[in-house]
Amino acid sequence: MEQAVEVLLRVTSQWGLTVSAPKTKLMVVGEGLQEDDVTPISTDSGVIDVVSDFKYLGALVSSSGGIEGEIRERIGHSSRVFGMLRKGVFQDSSPYQPATALVQHFHSQCLALLTPLLNDQVEE
């Protein structure tokens, strides 16, 4: 791993670029990893940490290649949003009551479709 980081640093410096060690993360993917494959790497600008998952363009990337964490995170976000909407929209005295039934039906249909997908991913 250290050789790969050294090559990265050398090539970026040839192009006049610098690598910010505090902003750079290293993720090792694969089976049969050695102990030294998952240790932080020291550079002139700091230490590059080794992580098992990270966010990239809003998606959770995992070293195992699974998407269970991403699915759980998205379901959690949608549940929080529906929880916030419940106070102002889903109450019986709300002027939005006719539309509420449609939104609740849509939410239940989404959960009905996502739950089996999540269960299939966990079983694999």
PDB file of N, CA and C in Angstrom:
ATOM      1  N   MET A   1       0.811  -1.191   0.000  1.00  0.00           N
ATOM      2  CA  MET A   1       0.000   0.000   0.000  1.00  0.00           C
ATOM      3  C   MET A   1       0.857   1.258   0.000  1.00  0.00           C
ATOM      4  N   GLU A   2       1.934   1.207   0.776  1.00  0.00           N
ATOM      5  CA  GLU A   2       2.793   2.390   0.854  1.00  0.00           C
ATOM      6  C   GLU A   2       3.386   2.732  -0.509  1.00  0.00           C
ATOM      7  N   GLN A   3       3.704   1.713  -1.302  1.00  0.00           N
ATOM      8  CA  GLN A   3       4.246   1.969  -2.632  1.00  0.00           C
ATOM      9  C   GLN A   3       3.207   2.662  -3.519  1.00  0.00           C
ATOM     10  N   ALA A   4       1.963   2.249  -3.412  1.00  0.00           N
ATOM     11  CA  ALA A   4       0.900   2.871  -4.208  1.00  0.00           C
ATOM     12  C   ALA A   4       0.729   4.338  -3.820  1.00  0.00           C
ATOM     13  N   VAL A   5       0.797   4.629  -2.532  1.00  0.00           N
ATOM     14  CA  VAL A   5       0.676   6.009  -2.067  1.00  0.00           C
ATOM     15  C   VAL A   5       1.883   6.825  -2.528  1.00  0.00           C
ATOM     16  N   GLU A   6       3.066   6.236  -2.491  1.00  0.00           N
ATOM     17  CA  GLU A   6       4.256   6.943  -2.962  1.00  0.00           C
ATOM     18  C   GLU A   6       4.144   7.296  -4.442  1.00  0.00           C
ATOM     19  N   VAL A   7       3.628   6.370  -5.239  1.00  0.00           N
ATOM     20  CA  VAL A   7       3.423   6.631  -6.668  1.00  0.00           C
ATOM     21  C   VAL A   7       2.407   7.755  -6.853  1.00  0.00           C
ATOM     22  N   LEU A   8       1.322   7.716  -6.080  1.00  0.00           N
ATOM     23  CA  LEU A   8       0.310   8.771  -6.153  1.00  0.00           C
ATOM     24  C   LEU A   8       0.919  10.127  -5.841  1.00  0.00           C
ATOM     25  N   LEU A   9       1.689  10.201  -4.776  1.00  0.00           N
ATOM     26  CA  LEU A   9       2.314  11.469  -4.390  1.00  0.00           C
ATOM     27  C   LEU A   9       3.306  11.959  -5.433  1.00  0.00           C
ATOM     28  N   ARG A  10       4.080  11.044  -6.024  1.00  0.00           N
ATOM     29  CA  ARG A  10       5.063  11.423  -7.026  1.00  0.00           C
ATOM     30  C   ARG A  10       4.376  11.948  -8.296  1.00  0.00           C
ATOM     31  N   VAL A  11       3.343  11.257  -8.756  1.00  0.00           N
ATOM     32  CA  VAL A  11       2.652  11.664  -9.981  1.00  0.00           C
ATOM     33  C   VAL A  11       1.917  12.989  -9.777  1.00  0.00           C
ATOM     34  N   THR A  12       1.269  13.153  -8.635  1.00  0.00           N
ATOM     35  CA  THR A  12       0.568  14.416  -8.400  1.00  0.00           C
ATOM     36  C   THR A  12       1.545  15.585  -8.317  1.00  0.00           C
ATOM     37  N   SER A  13       2.725  15.363  -7.725  1.00  0.00           N
ATOM     38  CA  SER A  13       3.703  16.458  -7.646  1.00  0.00           C
ATOM     39  C   SER A  13       4.259  16.791  -9.026  1.00  0.00           C
ATOM     40  N   GLN A  14       4.369  15.817  -9.923  1.00  0.00           N
ATOM     41  CA  GLN A  14       4.818  16.078 -11.287  1.00  0.00           C
ATOM     42  C   GLN A  14       3.837  17.003 -12.016  1.00  0.00           C
ATOM     43  N   TRP A  15       2.583  16.909 -11.655  1.00  0.00           N
ATOM     44  CA  TRP A  15       1.546  17.754 -12.260  1.00  0.00           C
ATOM     45  C   TRP A  15       1.348  19.053 -11.484  1.00  0.00           C
ATOM     46  N   GLY A  16       2.138  19.262 -10.454  1.00  0.00           N
ATOM     47  CA  GLY A  16       2.040  20.486  -9.665  1.00  0.00           C
ATOM     48  C   GLY A  16       0.898  20.469  -8.666  1.00  0.00           C
ATOM     49  N   LEU A  17       0.418  19.277  -8.334  1.00  0.00           N
ATOM     50  CA  LEU A  17      -0.677  19.124  -7.381  1.00  0.00           C
ATOM     51  C   LEU A  17      -0.140  18.618  -6.053  1.00  0.00           C
ATOM     52  N   THR A  18      -0.915  18.812  -5.006  1.00  0.00           N
ATOM     53  CA  THR A  18      -0.555  18.278  -3.697  1.00  0.00           C
ATOM     54  C   THR A  18      -1.706  17.429  -3.173  1.00  0.00           C
ATOM     55  N   VAL A  19      -1.375  16.459  -2.362  1.00  0.00           N
ATOM     56  CA  VAL A  19      -2.369  15.590  -1.726  1.00  0.00           C
ATOM     57  C   VAL A  19      -2.500  16.018  -0.277  1.00  0.00           C
ATOM     58  N   SER A  20      -3.711  16.335   0.138  1.00  0.00           N
ATOM     59  CA  SER A  20      -3.969  16.716   1.521  1.00  0.00           C
ATOM     60  C   SER A  20      -4.198  15.444   2.338  1.00  0.00           C
ATOM     61  N   ALA A  21      -3.238  15.095   3.170  1.00  0.00           N
ATOM     62  CA  ALA A  21      -3.347  13.866   3.960  1.00  0.00           C
ATOM     63  C   ALA A  21      -4.569  13.856   4.876  1.00  0.00           C
ATOM     64  N   PRO A  22      -4.923  14.963   5.557  1.00  0.00           N
ATOM     65  CA  PRO A  22      -6.114  14.911   6.414  1.00  0.00           C
ATOM     66  C   PRO A  22      -7.415  14.669   5.639  1.00  0.00           C
ATOM     67  N   LYS A  23      -7.457  15.074   4.370  1.00  0.00           N
ATOM     68  CA  LYS A  23      -8.665  14.875   3.565  1.00  0.00           C
ATOM     69  C   LYS A  23      -8.645  13.563   2.790  1.00  0.00           C
ATOM     70  N   THR A  24      -7.504  12.895   2.745  1.00  0.00           N
ATOM     71  CA  THR A  24      -7.350  11.671   1.963  1.00  0.00           C
ATOM     72  C   THR A  24      -7.585  10.455   2.854  1.00  0.00           C
ATOM     73  N   LYS A  25      -8.364   9.524   2.352  1.00  0.00           N
ATOM     74  CA  LYS A  25      -8.636   8.277   3.071  1.00  0.00           C
ATOM     75  C   LYS A  25      -8.244   7.113   2.172  1.00  0.00           C
ATOM     76  N   LEU A  26      -7.842   6.023   2.779  1.00  0.00           N
ATOM     77  CA  LEU A  26      -7.431   4.831   2.057  1.00  0.00           C
ATOM     78  C   LEU A  26      -8.353   3.691   2.456  1.00  0.00           C
ATOM     79  N   MET A  27      -8.906   2.997   1.462  1.00  0.00           N
ATOM     80  CA  MET A  27      -9.767   1.855   1.759  1.00  0.00           C
ATOM     81  C   MET A  27      -9.206   0.646   1.021  1.00  0.00           C
ATOM     82  N   VAL A  28      -8.963  -0.422   1.748  1.00  0.00           N
ATOM     83  CA  VAL A  28      -8.438  -1.659   1.187  1.00  0.00           C
ATOM     84  C   VAL A  28      -9.609  -2.607   0.974  1.00  0.00           C
ATOM     85  N   VAL A  29      -9.722  -3.121  -0.247  1.00  0.00           N
ATOM     86  CA  VAL A  29     -10.824  -4.003  -0.609  1.00  0.00           C
ATOM     87  C   VAL A  29     -10.252  -5.353  -1.008  1.00  0.00           C
ATOM     88  N   GLY A  30     -10.850  -6.417  -0.518  1.00  0.00           N
ATOM     89  CA  GLY A  30     -10.423  -7.745  -0.932  1.00  0.00           C
ATOM     90  C   GLY A  30     -10.312  -8.704   0.229  1.00  0.00           C
ATOM     91  N   GLU A  31     -10.173  -9.965  -0.129  1.00  0.00           N
ATOM     92  CA  GLU A  31     -10.036 -11.006   0.879  1.00  0.00           C
ATOM     93  C   GLU A  31      -8.558 -11.278   1.134  1.00  0.00           C
ATOM     94  N   GLY A  32      -8.274 -11.877   2.255  1.00  0.00           N
ATOM     95  CA  GLY A  32      -6.902 -12.245   2.591  1.00  0.00           C
ATOM     96  C   GLY A  32      -6.009 -11.055   2.869  1.00  0.00           C
ATOM     97  N   LEU A  33      -6.559 -10.053   3.512  1.00  0.00           N
ATOM     98  CA  LEU A  33      -5.778  -8.862   3.820  1.00  0.00           C
ATOM     99  C   LEU A  33      -4.753  -9.159   4.904  1.00  0.00           C
ATOM    100  N   GLN A  34      -3.592  -8.540   4.769  1.00  0.00           N
ATOM    101  CA  GLN A  34      -2.551  -8.658   5.769  1.00  0.00           C
ATOM    102  C   GLN A  34      -2.704  -7.533   6.781  1.00  0.00           C
ATOM    103  N   GLU A  35      -2.124  -7.702   7.955  1.00  0.00           N
ATOM    104  CA  GLU A  35      -2.214  -6.696   9.018  1.00  0.00           C
ATOM    105  C   GLU A  35      -1.656  -5.351   8.572  1.00  0.00           C
ATOM    106  N   ASP A  36      -0.548  -5.376   7.807  1.00  0.00           N
ATOM    107  CA  ASP A  36       0.050  -4.111   7.383  1.00  0.00           C
ATOM    108  C   ASP A  36      -0.718  -3.443   6.244  1.00  0.00           C
ATOM    109  N   ASP A  37      -1.724  -4.125   5.661  1.00  0.00           N
ATOM    110  CA  ASP A  37      -2.563  -3.521   4.618  1.00  0.00           C
ATOM    111  C   ASP A  37      -3.565  -2.529   5.199  1.00  0.00           C
ATOM    112  N   VAL A  38      -3.849  -2.632   6.472  1.00  0.00           N
ATOM    113  CA  VAL A  38      -4.882  -1.786   7.070  1.00  0.00           C
ATOM    114  C   VAL A  38      -4.320  -0.843   8.143  1.00  0.00           C
ATOM    115  N   THR A  39      -3.055  -0.524   8.049  1.00  0.00           N
ATOM    116  CA  THR A  39      -2.468   0.438   8.992  1.00  0.00           C
ATOM    117  C   THR A  39      -2.352   1.792   8.310  1.00  0.00           C
ATOM    118  N   PRO A  40      -2.500   2.880   9.057  1.00  0.00           N
ATOM    119  CA  PRO A  40      -2.365   4.216   8.468  1.00  0.00           C
ATOM    120  C   PRO A  40      -0.979   4.409   7.850  1.00  0.00           C
ATOM    121  N   ILE A  41      -0.915   5.229   6.807  1.00  0.00           N
ATOM    122  CA  ILE A  41       0.336   5.470   6.100  1.00  0.00           C
ATOM    123  C   ILE A  41       0.775   6.906   6.351  1.00  0.00           C
ATOM    124  N   SER A  42       2.025   7.070   6.772  1.00  0.00           N
ATOM    125  CA  SER A  42       2.582   8.400   7.043  1.00  0.00           C
ATOM    126  C   SER A  42       3.190   8.975   5.775  1.00  0.00           C
ATOM    127  N   THR A  43       2.910  10.265   5.537  1.00  0.00           N
ATOM    128  CA  THR A  43       3.502  11.000   4.421  1.00  0.00           C
ATOM    129  C   THR A  43       4.107  12.288   4.971  1.00  0.00           C
ATOM    130  N   ASP A  44       4.717  13.059   4.083  1.00  0.00           N
ATOM    131  CA  ASP A  44       5.293  14.338   4.500  1.00  0.00           C
ATOM    132  C   ASP A  44       4.218  15.305   4.976  1.00  0.00           C
ATOM    133  N   SER A  45       3.010  15.201   4.404  1.00  0.00           N
ATOM    134  CA  SER A  45       1.946  16.146   4.768  1.00  0.00           C
ATOM    135  C   SER A  45       1.039  15.628   5.885  1.00  0.00           C
ATOM    136  N   GLY A  46       1.285  14.437   6.406  1.00  0.00           N
ATOM    137  CA  GLY A  46       0.478  13.907   7.499  1.00  0.00           C
ATOM    138  C   GLY A  46       0.237  12.418   7.355  1.00  0.00           C
ATOM    139  N   VAL A  47      -0.752  11.929   8.081  1.00  0.00           N
ATOM    140  CA  VAL A  47      -1.072  10.509   8.090  1.00  0.00           C
ATOM    141  C   VAL A  47      -2.345  10.275   7.278  1.00  0.00           C
ATOM    142  N   ILE A  48      -2.293   9.281   6.384  1.00  0.00           N
ATOM    143  CA  ILE A  48      -3.466   8.881   5.610  1.00  0.00           C
ATOM    144  C   ILE A  48      -4.126   7.721   6.341  1.00  0.00           C
ATOM    145  N   ASP A  49      -5.354   7.941   6.793  1.00  0.00           N
ATOM    146  CA  ASP A  49      -6.078   6.928   7.561  1.00  0.00           C
ATOM    147  C   ASP A  49      -6.671   5.856   6.651  1.00  0.00           C
ATOM    148  N   VAL A  50      -6.731   4.634   7.170  1.00  0.00           N
ATOM    149  CA  VAL A  50      -7.383   3.523   6.483  1.00  0.00           C
ATOM    150  C   VAL A  50      -8.790   3.403   7.050  1.00  0.00           C
ATOM    151  N   VAL A  51      -9.800   3.361   6.178  1.00  0.00           N
ATOM    152  CA  VAL A  51     -11.197   3.293   6.607  1.00  0.00           C
ATOM    153  C   VAL A  51     -11.875   2.069   5.997  1.00  0.00           C
ATOM    154  N   SER A  52     -12.958   1.620   6.625  1.00  0.00           N
ATOM    155  CA  SER A  52     -13.709   0.480   6.092  1.00  0.00           C
ATOM    156  C   SER A  52     -14.896   0.929   5.248  1.00  0.00           C
ATOM    157  N   ASP A  53     -15.322   2.179   5.407  1.00  0.00           N
ATOM    158  CA  ASP A  53     -16.362   2.736   4.546  1.00  0.00           C
ATOM    159  C   ASP A  53     -16.265   4.253   4.559  1.00  0.00           C
ATOM    160  N   PHE A  54     -16.805   4.883   3.508  1.00  0.00           N
ATOM    161  CA  PHE A  54     -16.790   6.339   3.425  1.00  0.00           C
ATOM    162  C   PHE A  54     -17.879   6.796   2.466  1.00  0.00           C
ATOM    163  N   LYS A  55     -18.196   8.079   2.545  1.00  0.00           N
ATOM    164  CA  LYS A  55     -19.205   8.675   1.668  1.00  0.00           C
ATOM    165  C   LYS A  55     -18.515   9.200   0.418  1.00  0.00           C
ATOM    166  N   TYR A  56     -19.061   8.860  -0.743  1.00  0.00           N
ATOM    167  CA  TYR A  56     -18.560   9.370  -2.013  1.00  0.00           C
ATOM    168  C   TYR A  56     -19.747   9.790  -2.850  1.00  0.00           C
ATOM    169  N   LEU A  57     -19.818  11.072  -3.180  1.00  0.00           N
ATOM    170  CA  LEU A  57     -20.932  11.631  -3.943  1.00  0.00           C
ATOM    171  C   LEU A  57     -22.278  11.276  -3.308  1.00  0.00           C
ATOM    172  N   GLY A  58     -22.317  11.287  -1.988  1.00  0.00           N
ATOM    173  CA  GLY A  58     -23.559  11.047  -1.260  1.00  0.00           C
ATOM    174  C   GLY A  58     -23.891   9.586  -1.022  1.00  0.00           C
ATOM    175  N   ALA A  59     -23.115   8.673  -1.592  1.00  0.00           N
ATOM    176  CA  ALA A  59     -23.383   7.239  -1.411  1.00  0.00           C
ATOM    177  C   ALA A  59     -22.353   6.646  -0.452  1.00  0.00           C
ATOM    178  N   LEU A  60     -22.785   5.700   0.349  1.00  0.00           N
ATOM    179  CA  LEU A  60     -21.899   5.037   1.291  1.00  0.00           C
ATOM    180  C   LEU A  60     -21.182   3.886   0.584  1.00  0.00           C
ATOM    181  N   VAL A  61     -19.850   3.967   0.490  1.00  0.00           N
ATOM    182  CA  VAL A  61     -19.034   2.941  -0.147  1.00  0.00           C
ATOM    183  C   VAL A  61     -18.415   2.095   0.952  1.00  0.00           C
ATOM    184  N   SER A  62     -18.545   0.766   0.835  1.00  0.00           N
ATOM    185  CA  SER A  62     -18.062  -0.140   1.869  1.00  0.00           C
ATOM    186  C   SER A  62     -16.952  -1.028   1.317  1.00  0.00           C
ATOM    187  N   SER A  63     -15.974  -1.346   2.158  1.00  0.00           N
ATOM    188  CA  SER A  63     -14.877  -2.205   1.717  1.00  0.00           C
ATOM    189  C   SER A  63     -15.340  -3.636   1.465  1.00  0.00           C
ATOM    190  N   SER A  64     -16.467  -4.021   2.045  1.00  0.00           N
ATOM    191  CA  SER A  64     -16.991  -5.367   1.805  1.00  0.00           C
ATOM    192  C   SER A  64     -17.740  -5.458   0.481  1.00  0.00           C
ATOM    193  N   GLY A  65     -18.061  -4.303  -0.102  1.00  0.00           N
ATOM    194  CA  GLY A  65     -18.797  -4.297  -1.367  1.00  0.00           C
ATOM    195  C   GLY A  65     -20.295  -4.375  -1.187  1.00  0.00           C
ATOM    196  N   GLY A  66     -20.764  -4.488   0.055  1.00  0.00           N
ATOM    197  CA  GLY A  66     -22.200  -4.596   0.317  1.00  0.00           C
ATOM    198  C   GLY A  66     -22.889  -3.248   0.283  1.00  0.00           C
ATOM    199  N   ILE A  67     -24.204  -3.286   0.166  1.00  0.00           N
ATOM    200  CA  ILE A  67     -24.979  -2.048   0.138  1.00  0.00           C
ATOM    201  C   ILE A  67     -25.951  -1.966   1.309  1.00  0.00           C
ATOM    202  N   GLU A  68     -25.803  -2.866   2.276  1.00  0.00           N
ATOM    203  CA  GLU A  68     -26.721  -2.878   3.412  1.00  0.00           C
ATOM    204  C   GLU A  68     -26.694  -1.551   4.167  1.00  0.00           C
ATOM    205  N   GLY A  69     -25.497  -1.017   4.401  1.00  0.00           N
ATOM    206  CA  GLY A  69     -25.366   0.245   5.118  1.00  0.00           C
ATOM    207  C   GLY A  69     -26.031   1.387   4.372  1.00  0.00           C
ATOM    208  N   GLU A  70     -25.867   1.408   3.059  1.00  0.00           N
ATOM    209  CA  GLU A  70     -26.477   2.453   2.239  1.00  0.00           C
ATOM    210  C   GLU A  70     -28.006   2.368   2.301  1.00  0.00           C
ATOM    211  N   ILE A  71     -28.538   1.169   2.220  1.00  0.00           N
ATOM    212  CA  ILE A  71     -29.996   0.999   2.270  1.00  0.00           C
ATOM    213  C   ILE A  71     -30.532   1.414   3.634  1.00  0.00           C
ATOM    214  N   ARG A  72     -29.873   0.980   4.701  1.00  0.00           N
ATOM    215  CA  ARG A  72     -30.309   1.362   6.052  1.00  0.00           C
ATOM    216  C   ARG A  72     -30.265   2.877   6.239  1.00  0.00           C
ATOM    217  N   GLU A  73     -29.211   3.506   5.716  1.00  0.00           N
ATOM    218  CA  GLU A  73     -29.077   4.950   5.855  1.00  0.00           C
ATOM    219  C   GLU A  73     -30.198   5.678   5.104  1.00  0.00           C
ATOM    220  N   ARG A  74     -30.515   5.237   3.905  1.00  0.00           N
ATOM    221  CA  ARG A  74     -31.575   5.886   3.127  1.00  0.00           C
ATOM    222  C   ARG A  74     -32.943   5.691   3.769  1.00  0.00           C
ATOM    223  N   ILE A  75     -33.202   4.499   4.291  1.00  0.00           N
ATOM    224  CA  ILE A  75     -34.479   4.265   4.984  1.00  0.00           C
ATOM    225  C   ILE A  75     -34.554   5.128   6.232  1.00  0.00           C
ATOM    226  N   GLY A  76     -33.439   5.257   6.941  1.00  0.00           N
ATOM    227  CA  GLY A  76     -33.407   6.111   8.134  1.00  0.00           C
ATOM    228  C   GLY A  76     -33.682   7.563   7.806  1.00  0.00           C
ATOM    229  N   HIS A  77     -33.099   8.055   6.706  1.00  0.00           N
ATOM    230  CA  HIS A  77     -33.343   9.440   6.296  1.00  0.00           C
ATOM    231  C   HIS A  77     -34.813   9.654   5.951  1.00  0.00           C
ATOM    232  N   SER A  78     -35.392   8.720   5.199  1.00  0.00           N
ATOM    233  CA  SER A  78     -36.799   8.892   4.812  1.00  0.00           C
ATOM    234  C   SER A  78     -37.710   8.790   6.032  1.00  0.00           C
ATOM    235  N   SER A  79     -37.369   7.946   6.981  1.00  0.00           N
ATOM    236  CA  SER A  79     -38.185   7.840   8.193  1.00  0.00           C
ATOM    237  C   SER A  79     -38.146   9.135   8.999  1.00  0.00           C
ATOM    238  N   ARG A  80     -36.959   9.747   9.074  1.00  0.00           N
ATOM    239  CA  ARG A  80     -36.862  11.024   9.784  1.00  0.00           C
ATOM    240  C   ARG A  80     -37.685  12.112   9.095  1.00  0.00           C
ATOM    241  N   VAL A  81     -37.662  12.129   7.773  1.00  0.00           N
ATOM    242  CA  VAL A  81     -38.440  13.135   7.033  1.00  0.00           C
ATOM    243  C   VAL A  81     -39.927  12.916   7.269  1.00  0.00           C
ATOM    244  N   PHE A  82     -40.398  11.674   7.179  1.00  0.00           N
ATOM    245  CA  PHE A  82     -41.810  11.409   7.430  1.00  0.00           C
ATOM    246  C   PHE A  82     -42.176  11.719   8.875  1.00  0.00           C
ATOM    247  N   GLY A  83     -41.241  11.512   9.799  1.00  0.00           N
ATOM    248  CA  GLY A  83     -41.498  11.874  11.186  1.00  0.00           C
ATOM    249  C   GLY A  83     -41.682  13.373  11.360  1.00  0.00           C
ATOM    250  N   MET A  84     -40.884  14.166  10.645  1.00  0.00           N
ATOM    251  CA  MET A  84     -41.034  15.615  10.709  1.00  0.00           C
ATOM    252  C   MET A  84     -42.341  16.065  10.055  1.00  0.00           C
ATOM    253  N   LEU A  85     -42.725  15.394   8.972  1.00  0.00           N
ATOM    254  CA  LEU A  85     -43.978  15.749   8.291  1.00  0.00           C
ATOM    255  C   LEU A  85     -45.200  15.370   9.113  1.00  0.00           C
ATOM    256  N   ARG A  86     -45.058  14.341   9.928  1.00  0.00           N
ATOM    257  CA  ARG A  86     -46.197  13.847  10.702  1.00  0.00           C
ATOM    258  C   ARG A  86     -46.808  14.945  11.573  1.00  0.00           C
ATOM    259  N   LYS A  87     -45.959  15.779  12.164  1.00  0.00           N
ATOM    260  CA  LYS A  87     -46.449  16.817  13.074  1.00  0.00           C
ATOM    261  C   LYS A  87     -47.321  17.833  12.352  1.00  0.00           C
ATOM    262  N   GLY A  88     -46.897  18.285  11.169  1.00  0.00           N
ATOM    263  CA  GLY A  88     -47.631  19.352  10.499  1.00  0.00           C
ATOM    264  C   GLY A  88     -48.607  18.899   9.438  1.00  0.00           C
ATOM    265  N   VAL A  89     -48.421  17.720   8.903  1.00  0.00           N
ATOM    266  CA  VAL A  89     -49.240  17.296   7.767  1.00  0.00           C
ATOM    267  C   VAL A  89     -50.147  16.126   8.107  1.00  0.00           C
ATOM    268  N   PHE A  90     -49.663  15.165   8.876  1.00  0.00           N
ATOM    269  CA  PHE A  90     -50.408  13.932   9.088  1.00  0.00           C
ATOM    270  C   PHE A  90     -51.344  13.946  10.291  1.00  0.00           C
ATOM    271  N   GLN A  91     -51.533  15.086  10.920  1.00  0.00           N
ATOM    272  CA  GLN A  91     -52.459  15.146  12.051  1.00  0.00           C
ATOM    273  C   GLN A  91     -53.889  15.248  11.535  1.00  0.00           C
ATOM    274  N   ASP A  92     -54.831  14.768  12.349  1.00  0.00           N
ATOM    275  CA  ASP A  92     -56.235  14.748  11.928  1.00  0.00           C
ATOM    276  C   ASP A  92     -56.782  16.145  11.651  1.00  0.00           C
ATOM    277  N   SER A  93     -56.287  17.155  12.331  1.00  0.00           N
ATOM    278  CA  SER A  93     -56.812  18.507  12.161  1.00  0.00           C
ATOM    279  C   SER A  93     -56.113  19.268  11.032  1.00  0.00           C
ATOM    280  N   SER A  94     -55.252  18.608  10.299  1.00  0.00           N
ATOM    281  CA  SER A  94     -54.493  19.274   9.247  1.00  0.00           C
ATOM    282  C   SER A  94     -55.372  19.584   8.036  1.00  0.00           C
ATOM    283  N   PRO A  95     -55.173  20.742   7.413  1.00  0.00           N
ATOM    284  CA  PRO A  95     -55.915  21.045   6.183  1.00  0.00           C
ATOM    285  C   PRO A  95     -55.442  20.178   5.014  1.00  0.00           C
ATOM    286  N   TYR A  96     -54.343  19.474   5.186  1.00  0.00           N
ATOM    287  CA  TYR A  96     -53.796  18.623   4.130  1.00  0.00           C
ATOM    288  C   TYR A  96     -54.267  17.171   4.231  1.00  0.00           C
ATOM    289  N   GLN A  97     -55.268  16.918   5.043  1.00  0.00           N
ATOM    290  CA  GLN A  97     -55.707  15.558   5.327  1.00  0.00           C
ATOM    291  C   GLN A  97     -56.037  14.740   4.073  1.00  0.00           C
ATOM    292  N   PRO A  98     -56.705  15.293   3.037  1.00  0.00           N
ATOM    293  CA  PRO A  98     -56.973  14.468   1.846  1.00  0.00           C
ATOM    294  C   PRO A  98     -55.691  13.976   1.159  1.00  0.00           C
ATOM    295  N   ALA A  99     -54.691  14.823   1.102  1.00  0.00           N
ATOM    296  CA  ALA A  99     -53.438  14.422   0.466  1.00  0.00           C
ATOM    297  C   ALA A  99     -52.632  13.490   1.357  1.00  0.00           C
ATOM    298  N   THR A 100     -52.867  13.560   2.637  1.00  0.00           N
ATOM    299  CA  THR A 100     -52.125  12.743   3.591  1.00  0.00           C
ATOM    300  C   THR A 100     -52.308  11.260   3.324  1.00  0.00           C
ATOM    301  N   ALA A 101     -53.515  10.853   3.026  1.00  0.00           N
ATOM    302  CA  ALA A 101     -53.789   9.437   2.763  1.00  0.00           C
ATOM    303  C   ALA A 101     -52.985   8.955   1.566  1.00  0.00           C
ATOM    304  N   LEU A 102     -52.860   9.778   0.547  1.00  0.00           N
ATOM    305  CA  LEU A 102     -52.078   9.396  -0.631  1.00  0.00           C
ATOM    306  C   LEU A 102     -50.598   9.253  -0.287  1.00  0.00           C
ATOM    307  N   VAL A 103     -50.078  10.175   0.493  1.00  0.00           N
ATOM    308  CA  VAL A 103     -48.664  10.121   0.871  1.00  0.00           C
ATOM    309  C   VAL A 103     -48.396   8.902   1.757  1.00  0.00           C
ATOM    310  N   GLN A 104     -49.287   8.628   2.691  1.00  0.00           N
ATOM    311  CA  GLN A 104     -49.105   7.461   3.556  1.00  0.00           C
ATOM    312  C   GLN A 104     -49.155   6.170   2.744  1.00  0.00           C
ATOM    313  N   HIS A 105     -50.049   6.115   1.759  1.00  0.00           N
ATOM    314  CA  HIS A 105     -50.131   4.936   0.893  1.00  0.00           C
ATOM    315  C   HIS A 105     -48.819   4.775   0.108  1.00  0.00           C
ATOM    316  N   PHE A 106     -48.309   5.876  -0.447  1.00  0.00           N
ATOM    317  CA  PHE A 106     -47.052   5.842  -1.186  1.00  0.00           C
ATOM    318  C   PHE A 106     -45.911   5.367  -0.284  1.00  0.00           C
ATOM    319  N   HIS A 107     -45.837   5.891   0.937  1.00  0.00           N
ATOM    320  CA  HIS A 107     -44.791   5.503   1.887  1.00  0.00           C
ATOM    321  C   HIS A 107     -44.873   4.009   2.200  1.00  0.00           C
ATOM    322  N   SER A 108     -46.075   3.503   2.427  1.00  0.00           N
ATOM    323  CA  SER A 108     -46.225   2.075   2.738  1.00  0.00           C
ATOM    324  C   SER A 108     -45.835   1.212   1.546  1.00  0.00           C
ATOM    325  N   GLN A 109     -46.128   1.673   0.332  1.00  0.00           N
ATOM    326  CA  GLN A 109     -45.753   0.918  -0.857  1.00  0.00           C
ATOM    327  C   GLN A 109     -44.236   0.897  -1.034  1.00  0.00           C
ATOM    328  N   CYS A 110     -43.578   2.026  -0.762  1.00  0.00           N
ATOM    329  CA  CYS A 110     -42.116   2.090  -0.862  1.00  0.00           C
ATOM    330  C   CYS A 110     -41.471   1.135   0.129  1.00  0.00           C
ATOM    331  N   LEU A 111     -41.960   1.150   1.370  1.00  0.00           N
ATOM    332  CA  LEU A 111     -41.401   0.243   2.373  1.00  0.00           C
ATOM    333  C   LEU A 111     -41.652  -1.207   2.003  1.00  0.00           C
ATOM    334  N   ALA A 112     -42.820  -1.492   1.422  1.00  0.00           N
ATOM    335  CA  ALA A 112     -43.137  -2.864   1.016  1.00  0.00           C
ATOM    336  C   ALA A 112     -42.186  -3.338  -0.076  1.00  0.00           C
ATOM    337  N   LEU A 113     -41.754  -2.432  -0.948  1.00  0.00           N
ATOM    338  CA  LEU A 113     -40.817  -2.803  -2.001  1.00  0.00           C
ATOM    339  C   LEU A 113     -39.382  -2.885  -1.497  1.00  0.00           C
ATOM    340  N   LEU A 114     -38.984  -1.997  -0.590  1.00  0.00           N
ATOM    341  CA  LEU A 114     -37.596  -1.948  -0.129  1.00  0.00           C
ATOM    342  C   LEU A 114     -37.261  -3.025   0.894  1.00  0.00           C
ATOM    343  N   THR A 115     -38.215  -3.392   1.728  1.00  0.00           N
ATOM    344  CA  THR A 115     -37.931  -4.366   2.793  1.00  0.00           C
ATOM    345  C   THR A 115     -37.458  -5.709   2.245  1.00  0.00           C
ATOM    346  N   PRO A 116     -38.124  -6.289   1.235  1.00  0.00           N
ATOM    347  CA  PRO A 116     -37.595  -7.559   0.704  1.00  0.00           C
ATOM    348  C   PRO A 116     -36.198  -7.414   0.088  1.00  0.00           C
ATOM    349  N   LEU A 117     -35.927  -6.279  -0.555  1.00  0.00           N
ATOM    350  CA  LEU A 117     -34.607  -6.065  -1.126  1.00  0.00           C
ATOM    351  C   LEU A 117     -33.537  -6.041  -0.042  1.00  0.00           C
ATOM    352  N   LEU A 118     -33.831  -5.367   1.055  1.00  0.00           N
ATOM    353  CA  LEU A 118     -32.890  -5.295   2.160  1.00  0.00           C
ATOM    354  C   LEU A 118     -32.685  -6.678   2.764  1.00  0.00           C
ATOM    355  N   ASN A 119     -33.754  -7.438   2.935  1.00  0.00           N
ATOM    356  CA  ASN A 119     -33.648  -8.782   3.497  1.00  0.00           C
ATOM    357  C   ASN A 119     -32.812  -9.695   2.591  1.00  0.00           C
ATOM    358  N   ASP A 120     -32.983  -9.566   1.253  1.00  0.00           N
ATOM    359  CA  ASP A 120     -32.187 -10.367   0.324  1.00  0.00           C
ATOM    360  C   ASP A 120     -30.704 -10.029   0.439  1.00  0.00           C
ATOM    361  N   GLN A 121     -30.370  -8.745   0.586  1.00  0.00           N
ATOM    362  CA  GLN A 121     -28.976  -8.330   0.694  1.00  0.00           C
ATOM    363  C   GLN A 121     -28.352  -8.840   1.992  1.00  0.00           C
ATOM    364  N   VAL A 122     -29.101  -8.829   3.078  1.00  0.00           N
ATOM    365  CA  VAL A 122     -28.577  -9.267   4.369  1.00  0.00           C
ATOM    366  C   VAL A 122     -28.325 -10.755   4.348  1.00  0.00           C
ATOM    367  N   GLU A 123     -29.185 -11.524   3.675  1.00  0.00           N
ATOM    368  CA  GLU A 123     -29.021 -12.978   3.624  1.00  0.00           C
ATOM    369  C   GLU A 123     -27.812 -13.392   2.806  1.00  0.00           C
ATOM    370  N   GLU A 124     -27.437 -12.593   1.797  1.00  0.00           N
ATOM    371  CA  GLU A 124     -26.277 -12.928   0.959  1.00  0.00           C
ATOM    372  C   GLU A 124     -25.042 -12.675   1.744  1.00  0.00           C
TER     373      GLU A 124
END
